[in-house]
Amino acid sequence: MRRLIFLIVVGVAGLAVLLSLGMWQVQRMAWKQQILDIIDSRVDGEPVSLPENPDPVADKYMPVRLVGELVEGGLHVLVSTRSLGPGYRVIVPFVTDDGRRILVDRGFIRTAAKNTVLNTGKVELIGNLHWPDETDSYTPPAEIAANIWYARDVDAMSAALNTLPIMVVLNDHPVNGSFVIPMPVNTASIPNDHLQYAITWFSLAFIWAAMTAYFLWRSRQNRELT
């Protein structure tokens, strides 16, 4: 009898855990899709002038047109993509025509191009406002001496480059040259694989339930034989 109770308790507990994980992935899928829908609805709009005081929530992904000057200096954020391999995102200061100094994400350069001098000067740019959420407790601190960052941290980067905490991710532009590959804000690089994860957890729950039922049946059969 104790063995039977033990099997029921373990079976129910394991099934509850697996089902809860599956439901959590379903919720995550809806949350991720909401974010993707927000990005899609904002990024392709008509570019507007940079707001006087951009809001990190209300104005995130807003397409903007910048007129001003790309200046020297910049930060390199270590990244790697399936199609491009390892390299860096280049974050540089930009001074708008009304005197505001902000951050501009120019795009991707390969590792070998890290020390290449980028074009600077007066220019008109189009991009999207962005406040990336890329840092957590596992993000290594920036290697300041080597100029290697491990995430786009708008507050920290603005302090390092003496800019406002505003970042514009640049769309493709001739000023970048052929060796800078644009990495604009879009949903193509943001996977939503939570449905697959949910199916996996629900499948494991079904298998667990089937195994529990089988062991309960076997236990009952053994008791009847004895």
C-alpha atoms as a PDB file:
ATOM      1  CA  MET A   1       0.000   0.000   0.000  1.00  0.00           C
ATOM      2  CA  ARG A   2       2.831   2.383   0.829  1.00  0.00           C
ATOM      3  CA  ARG A   3       4.406   1.716  -2.547  1.00  0.00           C
ATOM      4  CA  LEU A   4       1.119   2.560  -4.243  1.00  0.00           C
ATOM      5  CA  ILE A   5       0.772   5.830  -2.326  1.00  0.00           C
ATOM      6  CA  PHE A   6       4.373   6.715  -3.112  1.00  0.00           C
ATOM      7  CA  LEU A   7       3.809   6.153  -6.856  1.00  0.00           C
ATOM      8  CA  ILE A   8       0.652   8.291  -6.804  1.00  0.00           C
ATOM      9  CA  VAL A   9       2.375  11.157  -4.952  1.00  0.00           C
ATOM     10  CA  VAL A  10       5.434  11.140  -7.226  1.00  0.00           C
ATOM     11  CA  GLY A  11       3.302  10.769 -10.333  1.00  0.00           C
ATOM     12  CA  VAL A  12       0.947  13.642  -9.466  1.00  0.00           C
ATOM     13  CA  ALA A  13       3.795  15.918  -8.341  1.00  0.00           C
ATOM     14  CA  GLY A  14       5.858  15.274 -11.459  1.00  0.00           C
ATOM     15  CA  LEU A  15       2.827  15.760 -13.714  1.00  0.00           C
ATOM     16  CA  ALA A  16       1.994  19.053 -11.989  1.00  0.00           C
ATOM     17  CA  VAL A  17       5.547  20.335 -12.459  1.00  0.00           C
ATOM     18  CA  LEU A  18       5.685  19.397 -16.140  1.00  0.00           C
ATOM     19  CA  LEU A  19       2.255  20.882 -16.862  1.00  0.00           C
ATOM     20  CA  SER A  20       3.167  24.109 -15.062  1.00  0.00           C
ATOM     21  CA  LEU A  21       6.338  24.405 -17.136  1.00  0.00           C
ATOM     22  CA  GLY A  22       4.301  23.903 -20.293  1.00  0.00           C
ATOM     23  CA  MET A  23       1.798  26.570 -19.258  1.00  0.00           C
ATOM     24  CA  TRP A  24       4.631  28.938 -18.392  1.00  0.00           C
ATOM     25  CA  GLN A  25       6.014  28.543 -21.912  1.00  0.00           C
ATOM     26  CA  VAL A  26       2.564  29.266 -23.359  1.00  0.00           C
ATOM     27  CA  GLN A  27       2.468  32.487 -21.330  1.00  0.00           C
ATOM     28  CA  ARG A  28       5.993  33.359 -22.453  1.00  0.00           C
ATOM     29  CA  MET A  29       4.965  32.756 -26.068  1.00  0.00           C
ATOM     30  CA  ALA A  30       2.108  35.258 -25.739  1.00  0.00           C
ATOM     31  CA  TRP A  31       4.408  37.762 -24.011  1.00  0.00           C
ATOM     32  CA  LYS A  32       7.084  37.423 -26.722  1.00  0.00           C
ATOM     33  CA  GLN A  33       4.520  37.734 -29.510  1.00  0.00           C
ATOM     34  CA  GLN A  34       3.200  40.917 -27.945  1.00  0.00           C
ATOM     35  CA  ILE A  35       6.704  42.378 -27.989  1.00  0.00           C
ATOM     36  CA  LEU A  36       7.218  41.333 -31.617  1.00  0.00           C
ATOM     37  CA  ASP A  37       3.894  42.911 -32.590  1.00  0.00           C
ATOM     38  CA  ILE A  38       4.881  46.165 -30.870  1.00  0.00           C
ATOM     39  CA  ILE A  39       8.223  46.245 -32.674  1.00  0.00           C
ATOM     40  CA  ASP A  40       6.607  45.529 -36.055  1.00  0.00           C
ATOM     41  CA  SER A  41       4.005  48.243 -35.521  1.00  0.00           C
ATOM     42  CA  ARG A  42       6.610  50.888 -34.708  1.00  0.00           C
ATOM     43  CA  VAL A  43       9.831  50.303 -36.633  1.00  0.00           C
ATOM     44  CA  ASP A  44       8.520  50.885 -40.154  1.00  0.00           C
ATOM     45  CA  GLY A  45       6.704  54.159 -39.526  1.00  0.00           C
ATOM     46  CA  GLU A  46       7.574  57.478 -41.115  1.00  0.00           C
ATOM     47  CA  PRO A  47      10.768  58.848 -39.517  1.00  0.00           C
ATOM     48  CA  VAL A  48      10.262  61.940 -37.373  1.00  0.00           C
ATOM     49  CA  SER A  49      12.607  64.413 -35.739  1.00  0.00           C
ATOM     50  CA  LEU A  50      14.230  63.266 -32.527  1.00  0.00           C
ATOM     51  CA  PRO A  51      11.816  64.093 -29.659  1.00  0.00           C
ATOM     52  CA  GLU A  52      13.036  66.657 -27.165  1.00  0.00           C
ATOM     53  CA  ASN A  53      12.826  64.182 -24.273  1.00  0.00           C
ATOM     54  CA  PRO A  54      12.440  60.649 -25.643  1.00  0.00           C
ATOM     55  CA  ASP A  55      10.705  58.238 -23.308  1.00  0.00           C
ATOM     56  CA  PRO A  56      12.332  54.772 -22.994  1.00  0.00           C
ATOM     57  CA  VAL A  57       8.908  53.084 -22.946  1.00  0.00           C
ATOM     58  CA  ALA A  58       6.583  55.197 -25.093  1.00  0.00           C
ATOM     59  CA  ASP A  59       9.206  56.043 -27.733  1.00  0.00           C
ATOM     60  CA  LYS A  60      11.078  52.737 -27.910  1.00  0.00           C
ATOM     61  CA  TYR A  61      11.557  51.612 -31.568  1.00  0.00           C
ATOM     62  CA  MET A  62      10.341  54.983 -32.890  1.00  0.00           C
ATOM     63  CA  PRO A  63      11.838  55.715 -36.341  1.00  0.00           C
ATOM     64  CA  VAL A  64      13.715  59.024 -36.270  1.00  0.00           C
ATOM     65  CA  ARG A  65      15.705  61.204 -38.636  1.00  0.00           C
ATOM     66  CA  LEU A  66      18.922  62.707 -37.301  1.00  0.00           C
ATOM     67  CA  VAL A  67      20.783  65.675 -38.719  1.00  0.00           C
ATOM     68  CA  GLY A  68      24.138  66.447 -37.176  1.00  0.00           C
ATOM     69  CA  GLU A  69      27.692  65.204 -36.904  1.00  0.00           C
ATOM     70  CA  LEU A  70      29.222  61.801 -36.321  1.00  0.00           C
ATOM     71  CA  VAL A  71      32.267  62.358 -34.136  1.00  0.00           C
ATOM     72  CA  GLU A  72      35.348  60.292 -33.397  1.00  0.00           C
ATOM     73  CA  GLY A  73      35.500  57.709 -30.665  1.00  0.00           C
ATOM     74  CA  GLY A  74      33.287  54.761 -30.002  1.00  0.00           C
ATOM     75  CA  LEU A  75      32.644  51.587 -28.075  1.00  0.00           C
ATOM     76  CA  HIS A  76      32.740  48.002 -29.308  1.00  0.00           C
ATOM     77  CA  VAL A  77      30.125  45.500 -28.129  1.00  0.00           C
ATOM     78  CA  LEU A  78      31.114  41.867 -28.640  1.00  0.00           C
ATOM     79  CA  VAL A  79      28.429  39.968 -30.570  1.00  0.00           C
ATOM     80  CA  SER A  80      28.115  36.879 -32.718  1.00  0.00           C
ATOM     81  CA  THR A  81      25.461  35.938 -35.258  1.00  0.00           C
ATOM     82  CA  ARG A  82      24.830  32.785 -37.251  1.00  0.00           C
ATOM     83  CA  SER A  83      25.233  34.533 -40.570  1.00  0.00           C
ATOM     84  CA  LEU A  84      28.108  36.899 -39.750  1.00  0.00           C
ATOM     85  CA  GLY A  85      30.085  35.121 -37.063  1.00  0.00           C
ATOM     86  CA  PRO A  86      31.918  36.994 -34.285  1.00  0.00           C
ATOM     87  CA  GLY A  87      32.452  40.727 -34.363  1.00  0.00           C
ATOM     88  CA  TYR A  88      31.403  43.978 -32.738  1.00  0.00           C
ATOM     89  CA  ARG A  89      28.550  46.425 -32.713  1.00  0.00           C
ATOM     90  CA  VAL A  90      30.002  49.924 -32.980  1.00  0.00           C
ATOM     91  CA  ILE A  91      28.424  52.544 -30.698  1.00  0.00           C
ATOM     92  CA  VAL A  92      29.570  56.124 -31.387  1.00  0.00           C
ATOM     93  CA  PRO A  93      28.707  59.653 -30.256  1.00  0.00           C
ATOM     94  CA  PHE A  94      26.527  61.825 -32.482  1.00  0.00           C
ATOM     95  CA  VAL A  95      25.917  65.556 -32.037  1.00  0.00           C
ATOM     96  CA  THR A  96      22.556  66.683 -33.362  1.00  0.00           C
ATOM     97  CA  ASP A  97      22.062  70.008 -35.109  1.00  0.00           C
ATOM     98  CA  ASP A  98      20.424  71.353 -31.936  1.00  0.00           C
ATOM     99  CA  GLY A  99      23.490  70.464 -29.859  1.00  0.00           C
ATOM    100  CA  ARG A 100      22.411  67.226 -28.183  1.00  0.00           C
ATOM    101  CA  ARG A 101      25.054  64.527 -27.898  1.00  0.00           C
ATOM    102  CA  ILE A 102      23.549  61.023 -28.166  1.00  0.00           C
ATOM    103  CA  LEU A 103      24.568  57.437 -28.962  1.00  0.00           C
ATOM    104  CA  VAL A 104      24.340  55.907 -32.429  1.00  0.00           C
ATOM    105  CA  ASP A 105      24.634  52.179 -33.100  1.00  0.00           C
ATOM    106  CA  ARG A 106      26.307  52.138 -36.514  1.00  0.00           C
ATOM    107  CA  GLY A 107      26.117  48.393 -37.018  1.00  0.00           C
ATOM    108  CA  PHE A 108      28.390  45.338 -37.141  1.00  0.00           C
ATOM    109  CA  ILE A 109      32.071  45.082 -37.992  1.00  0.00           C
ATOM    110  CA  ARG A 110      34.074  41.890 -38.153  1.00  0.00           C
ATOM    111  CA  THR A 111      36.734  41.214 -35.549  1.00  0.00           C
ATOM    112  CA  ALA A 112      39.570  42.030 -37.955  1.00  0.00           C
ATOM    113  CA  ALA A 113      38.107  45.506 -38.581  1.00  0.00           C
ATOM    114  CA  LYS A 114      38.065  46.513 -34.908  1.00  0.00           C
ATOM    115  CA  ASN A 115      40.739  49.179 -35.327  1.00  0.00           C
ATOM    116  CA  THR A 116      39.456  50.537 -38.639  1.00  0.00           C
ATOM    117  CA  VAL A 117      38.784  54.274 -38.550  1.00  0.00           C
ATOM    118  CA  LEU A 118      35.150  55.019 -39.400  1.00  0.00           C
ATOM    119  CA  ASN A 119      33.931  57.962 -41.430  1.00  0.00           C
ATOM    120  CA  THR A 120      32.843  60.980 -39.431  1.00  0.00           C
ATOM    121  CA  GLY A 121      31.426  64.411 -40.153  1.00  0.00           C
ATOM    122  CA  LYS A 122      28.149  66.094 -41.036  1.00  0.00           C
ATOM    123  CA  VAL A 123      25.451  63.659 -42.088  1.00  0.00           C
ATOM    124  CA  GLU A 124      21.746  62.858 -42.063  1.00  0.00           C
ATOM    125  CA  LEU A 125      20.798  59.487 -40.607  1.00  0.00           C
ATOM    126  CA  ILE A 126      17.677  57.370 -40.189  1.00  0.00           C
ATOM    127  CA  GLY A 127      17.281  54.808 -37.439  1.00  0.00           C
ATOM    128  CA  ASN A 128      15.180  53.712 -34.488  1.00  0.00           C
ATOM    129  CA  LEU A 129      15.244  54.780 -30.876  1.00  0.00           C
ATOM    130  CA  HIS A 130      16.196  51.867 -28.691  1.00  0.00           C
ATOM    131  CA  TRP A 131      16.992  51.109 -25.067  1.00  0.00           C
ATOM    132  CA  PRO A 132      18.226  47.508 -25.265  1.00  0.00           C
ATOM    133  CA  ASP A 133      17.660  45.274 -22.256  1.00  0.00           C
ATOM    134  CA  GLU A 134      20.745  43.117 -22.600  1.00  0.00           C
ATOM    135  CA  THR A 135      22.386  43.162 -19.172  1.00  0.00           C
ATOM    136  CA  ASP A 136      21.804  40.858 -16.227  1.00  0.00           C
ATOM    137  CA  SER A 137      23.759  39.520 -13.258  1.00  0.00           C
ATOM    138  CA  TYR A 138      25.755  37.229 -15.568  1.00  0.00           C
ATOM    139  CA  THR A 139      26.950  39.993 -17.927  1.00  0.00           C
ATOM    140  CA  PRO A 140      30.717  40.488 -17.530  1.00  0.00           C
ATOM    141  CA  PRO A 141      31.909  44.028 -16.837  1.00  0.00           C
ATOM    142  CA  ALA A 142      33.252  45.974 -19.794  1.00  0.00           C
ATOM    143  CA  GLU A 143      36.973  45.712 -20.497  1.00  0.00           C
ATOM    144  CA  ILE A 144      37.573  49.439 -20.708  1.00  0.00           C
ATOM    145  CA  ALA A 145      41.271  49.250 -21.610  1.00  0.00           C
ATOM    146  CA  ALA A 146      40.604  46.846 -24.489  1.00  0.00           C
ATOM    147  CA  ASN A 147      37.370  48.655 -25.448  1.00  0.00           C
ATOM    148  CA  ILE A 148      35.269  45.489 -25.317  1.00  0.00           C
ATOM    149  CA  TRP A 149      31.733  45.594 -23.962  1.00  0.00           C
ATOM    150  CA  TYR A 150      29.494  42.565 -23.540  1.00  0.00           C
ATOM    151  CA  ALA A 151      26.097  44.241 -23.822  1.00  0.00           C
ATOM    152  CA  ARG A 152      24.556  47.501 -24.935  1.00  0.00           C
ATOM    153  CA  ASP A 153      23.996  49.352 -21.687  1.00  0.00           C
ATOM    154  CA  VAL A 154      22.687  52.795 -22.606  1.00  0.00           C
ATOM    155  CA  ASP A 155      23.276  54.358 -19.191  1.00  0.00           C
ATOM    156  CA  ALA A 156      26.832  53.057 -18.837  1.00  0.00           C
ATOM    157  CA  MET A 157      27.741  53.855 -22.433  1.00  0.00           C
ATOM    158  CA  SER A 158      26.329  57.352 -22.255  1.00  0.00           C
ATOM    159  CA  ALA A 159      28.453  57.947 -19.160  1.00  0.00           C
ATOM    160  CA  ALA A 160      31.541  56.588 -20.928  1.00  0.00           C
ATOM    161  CA  LEU A 161      31.020  58.752 -24.032  1.00  0.00           C
ATOM    162  CA  ASN A 162      29.563  61.778 -22.238  1.00  0.00           C
ATOM    163  CA  THR A 163      26.222  61.644 -24.055  1.00  0.00           C
ATOM    164  CA  LEU A 164      22.577  61.726 -23.166  1.00  0.00           C
ATOM    165  CA  PRO A 165      21.111  58.265 -22.371  1.00  0.00           C
ATOM    166  CA  ILE A 166      19.559  58.063 -25.830  1.00  0.00           C
ATOM    167  CA  MET A 167      20.471  55.484 -28.479  1.00  0.00           C
ATOM    168  CA  VAL A 168      19.493  55.370 -32.143  1.00  0.00           C
ATOM    169  CA  VAL A 169      20.145  52.121 -33.994  1.00  0.00           C
ATOM    170  CA  LEU A 170      21.127  53.098 -37.496  1.00  0.00           C
ATOM    171  CA  ASN A 171      19.562  51.702 -40.648  1.00  0.00           C
ATOM    172  CA  ASP A 172      21.741  51.144 -43.704  1.00  0.00           C
ATOM    173  CA  HIS A 173      23.621  54.289 -44.774  1.00  0.00           C
ATOM    174  CA  PRO A 174      26.529  54.973 -47.185  1.00  0.00           C
ATOM    175  CA  VAL A 175      28.449  56.806 -44.456  1.00  0.00           C
ATOM    176  CA  ASN A 176      29.216  53.469 -42.846  1.00  0.00           C
ATOM    177  CA  GLY A 177      31.187  52.122 -45.784  1.00  0.00           C
ATOM    178  CA  SER A 178      31.045  48.584 -47.075  1.00  0.00           C
ATOM    179  CA  PHE A 179      32.723  46.987 -44.059  1.00  0.00           C
ATOM    180  CA  VAL A 180      30.023  48.100 -41.582  1.00  0.00           C
ATOM    181  CA  ILE A 181      27.031  45.801 -41.816  1.00  0.00           C
ATOM    182  CA  PRO A 182      23.717  47.303 -40.674  1.00  0.00           C
ATOM    183  CA  MET A 183      21.936  45.605 -37.781  1.00  0.00           C
ATOM    184  CA  PRO A 184      18.694  47.601 -37.638  1.00  0.00           C
ATOM    185  CA  VAL A 185      15.923  47.088 -35.127  1.00  0.00           C
ATOM    186  CA  ASN A 186      13.581  44.382 -36.441  1.00  0.00           C
ATOM    187  CA  THR A 187      11.989  41.105 -35.409  1.00  0.00           C
ATOM    188  CA  ALA A 188      14.014  38.882 -37.741  1.00  0.00           C
ATOM    189  CA  SER A 189      16.697  38.268 -35.127  1.00  0.00           C
ATOM    190  CA  ILE A 190      14.278  37.733 -32.217  1.00  0.00           C
ATOM    191  CA  PRO A 191      13.145  34.100 -32.119  1.00  0.00           C
ATOM    192  CA  ASN A 192       9.864  33.027 -30.565  1.00  0.00           C
ATOM    193  CA  ASP A 193      10.476  29.345 -29.901  1.00  0.00           C
ATOM    194  CA  HIS A 194       8.249  29.064 -26.846  1.00  0.00           C
ATOM    195  CA  LEU A 195       5.616  26.972 -28.678  1.00  0.00           C
ATOM    196  CA  GLN A 196       8.235  24.288 -29.303  1.00  0.00           C
ATOM    197  CA  TYR A 197       9.273  24.401 -25.657  1.00  0.00           C
ATOM    198  CA  ALA A 198       5.627  24.166 -24.551  1.00  0.00           C
ATOM    199  CA  ILE A 199       5.033  21.141 -26.789  1.00  0.00           C
ATOM    200  CA  THR A 200       8.144  19.505 -25.324  1.00  0.00           C
ATOM    201  CA  TRP A 201       6.966  19.992 -21.728  1.00  0.00           C
ATOM    202  CA  PHE A 202       3.418  18.843 -22.498  1.00  0.00           C
ATOM    203  CA  SER A 203       4.798  15.781 -24.293  1.00  0.00           C
ATOM    204  CA  LEU A 204       6.939  14.952 -21.271  1.00  0.00           C
ATOM    205  CA  ALA A 205       3.859  15.403 -19.068  1.00  0.00           C
ATOM    206  CA  PHE A 206       1.931  12.921 -21.226  1.00  0.00           C
ATOM    207  CA  ILE A 207       4.789  10.412 -21.074  1.00  0.00           C
ATOM    208  CA  TRP A 208       5.101  10.897 -17.317  1.00  0.00           C
ATOM    209  CA  ALA A 209       1.345  10.326 -16.864  1.00  0.00           C
ATOM    210  CA  ALA A 210       1.473   7.223 -19.044  1.00  0.00           C
ATOM    211  CA  MET A 211       4.449   5.808 -17.114  1.00  0.00           C
ATOM    212  CA  THR A 212       2.760   6.556 -13.788  1.00  0.00           C
ATOM    213  CA  ALA A 213      -0.416   4.787 -14.928  1.00  0.00           C
ATOM    214  CA  TYR A 214       1.659   1.831 -16.128  1.00  0.00           C
ATOM    215  CA  PHE A 215       3.540   1.484 -12.840  1.00  0.00           C
ATOM    216  CA  LEU A 216       0.293   1.779 -10.878  1.00  0.00           C
ATOM    217  CA  TRP A 217      -1.233  -0.954 -13.032  1.00  0.00           C
ATOM    218  CA  ARG A 218       1.831  -3.172 -12.595  1.00  0.00           C
ATOM    219  CA  SER A 219       1.797  -2.586  -8.850  1.00  0.00           C
ATOM    220  CA  ARG A 220      -1.869  -3.554  -8.675  1.00  0.00           C
ATOM    221  CA  GLN A 221      -1.274  -6.665 -10.767  1.00  0.00           C
ATOM    222  CA  ASN A 222       1.576  -7.736  -8.528  1.00  0.00           C
ATOM    223  CA  ARG A 223      -0.596  -7.255  -5.449  1.00  0.00           C
ATOM    224  CA  GLU A 224      -3.363  -9.420  -6.951  1.00  0.00           C
ATOM    225  CA  LEU A 225      -0.893 -12.182  -7.793  1.00  0.00           C
ATOM    226  CA  THR A 226       0.378 -12.218  -4.270  1.00  0.00           C
END
